[in-house]
Amino acid sequence: MKKSAITKSVDAPKHISPKDPGACTERTLARALMPPILMMLVSESVAADVGIGHKEVIRHHRSAAESPSYYEVWLIGKAGIADYVSTMQGIMNDFRAHRASSALKMHA
């Protein structure tokens, strides 16, 4: 299974190439045990249409055991690489905390 994918709205700003965060995501995921990440580069109008109002958003989709959980990263409008790095750090922190709490529940 591929560990990451990037999608871009047709009207998304051109200042960030999908190749930049894509390569960085693949390197990060290759070194860490992480669930898949779906990255969305979208314009502010597309984000507003789906109810997202911040320039970077992380959504974690936890699911049943037979289908893996995954994260969505939304980079909106003029969000840049610094925003991307911030979201990746947030995902790593959330994933580690979730794994730790799951391990404690198994031992209880």
Protein backbone atom coordinates (compact mmCIF):
# COMPACT_ATOMS: atom_id res chain seq x y z
CA MET A 1 0.00 0.00 0.00
CA LYS A 2 1.26 3.45 -0.85
CA LYS A 3 1.90 5.47 2.29
CA SER A 4 1.00 8.92 0.92
CA ALA A 5 -0.89 10.67 -1.82
CA ILE A 6 -1.27 14.29 -2.84
CA THR A 7 -4.24 15.91 -4.49
CA LYS A 8 -4.48 19.51 -5.62
CA SER A 9 -7.48 21.63 -6.55
CA VAL A 10 -7.27 23.21 -10.00
CA ASP A 11 -7.36 26.69 -8.47
CA ALA A 12 -4.81 26.02 -5.71
CA PRO A 13 -2.00 28.59 -5.51
CA LYS A 14 1.08 27.59 -7.50
CA HIS A 15 3.70 28.64 -4.91
CA ILE A 16 4.03 25.11 -3.54
CA SER A 17 4.66 22.14 -5.81
CA PRO A 18 3.09 18.80 -4.87
CA LYS A 19 6.53 17.27 -5.45
CA ASP A 20 8.09 19.18 -2.51
CA PRO A 21 5.91 17.87 0.33
CA GLY A 22 5.44 14.56 -1.49
CA ALA A 23 9.12 13.68 -1.45
CA CYS A 24 9.50 14.87 2.13
CA THR A 25 6.46 12.83 3.23
CA GLU A 26 7.77 9.66 1.64
CA ARG A 27 11.17 10.10 3.35
CA THR A 28 9.49 10.69 6.71
CA LEU A 29 7.18 7.71 6.37
CA ALA A 30 10.02 5.44 5.24
CA ARG A 31 11.80 6.10 8.56
CA ALA A 32 8.79 5.85 10.87
CA LEU A 33 5.95 3.45 11.51
CA MET A 34 3.09 5.71 10.45
CA PRO A 35 -0.35 5.28 8.88
CA PRO A 36 -0.99 6.62 5.36
CA ILE A 37 -1.24 10.38 4.77
CA LEU A 38 -3.47 12.06 2.21
CA MET A 39 -2.30 15.60 1.48
CA MET A 40 -4.62 18.17 -0.06
CA LEU A 41 -3.32 21.41 -1.56
CA VAL A 42 -6.39 23.57 -2.08
CA SER A 43 -7.48 27.16 -2.58
CA GLU A 44 -9.26 29.12 0.14
CA SER A 45 -12.53 28.90 -1.80
CA VAL A 46 -12.37 25.09 -1.99
CA ALA A 47 -11.54 24.92 1.73
CA ALA A 48 -14.50 27.18 2.51
CA ASP A 49 -16.78 24.94 0.43
CA VAL A 50 -15.90 21.96 2.65
CA GLY A 51 -15.99 23.96 5.90
CA ILE A 52 -12.28 24.39 6.61
CA GLY A 53 -11.15 27.85 7.64
CA HIS A 54 -7.50 27.51 8.74
CA LYS A 55 -4.43 27.51 6.53
CA GLU A 56 -3.34 24.07 7.71
CA VAL A 57 -5.53 21.34 9.13
CA ILE A 58 -4.91 17.76 10.23
CA ARG A 59 -7.73 15.23 10.29
CA HIS A 60 -7.17 11.76 11.73
CA HIS A 61 -9.50 9.06 10.50
CA ARG A 62 -9.45 6.15 12.92
CA SER A 63 -11.19 3.07 11.61
CA ALA A 64 -11.95 -0.55 12.33
CA ALA A 65 -9.11 -3.05 12.48
CA GLU A 66 -9.65 -4.39 8.96
CA SER A 67 -9.07 -1.00 7.32
CA PRO A 68 -6.16 1.17 8.44
CA SER A 69 -6.54 4.62 9.87
CA TYR A 70 -5.09 7.53 7.94
CA TYR A 71 -4.42 11.24 8.25
CA GLU A 72 -5.49 14.07 5.98
CA VAL A 73 -3.31 17.17 5.73
CA TRP A 74 -4.99 20.21 4.22
CA LEU A 75 -2.65 23.02 3.10
CA ILE A 76 -4.85 25.94 2.17
CA GLY A 77 -4.25 29.07 0.15
CA LYS A 78 -0.83 30.56 0.88
CA ALA A 79 0.22 27.82 3.30
CA GLY A 80 3.86 26.98 2.76
CA ILE A 81 6.50 24.43 3.62
CA ALA A 82 6.71 25.68 7.23
CA ASP A 83 2.99 24.93 7.60
CA TYR A 84 3.56 21.50 6.09
CA VAL A 85 6.37 20.77 8.58
CA SER A 86 4.10 21.86 11.42
CA THR A 87 1.36 19.46 10.30
CA MET A 88 3.81 16.56 9.95
CA GLN A 89 5.06 17.18 13.49
CA GLY A 90 1.46 17.24 14.70
CA ILE A 91 0.75 13.93 12.99
CA MET A 92 3.84 12.31 14.49
CA ASN A 93 2.90 13.55 17.98
CA ASP A 94 -0.71 12.38 17.62
CA PHE A 95 0.30 8.99 16.25
CA ARG A 96 2.81 8.37 19.04
CA ALA A 97 0.28 9.41 21.70
CA HIS A 98 -2.38 7.15 20.16
CA ARG A 99 0.03 4.19 20.02
CA ALA A 100 1.06 4.75 23.64
CA SER A 101 -2.54 4.91 24.87
CA SER A 102 -3.43 1.79 22.84
CA ALA A 103 -0.49 -0.07 24.40
CA LEU A 104 -1.62 0.94 27.91
CA LYS A 105 -5.16 -0.30 27.21
CA MET A 106 -3.81 -3.66 26.02
CA HIS A 107 -1.85 -4.13 29.26
CA ALA A 108 -4.72 -3.08 31.52
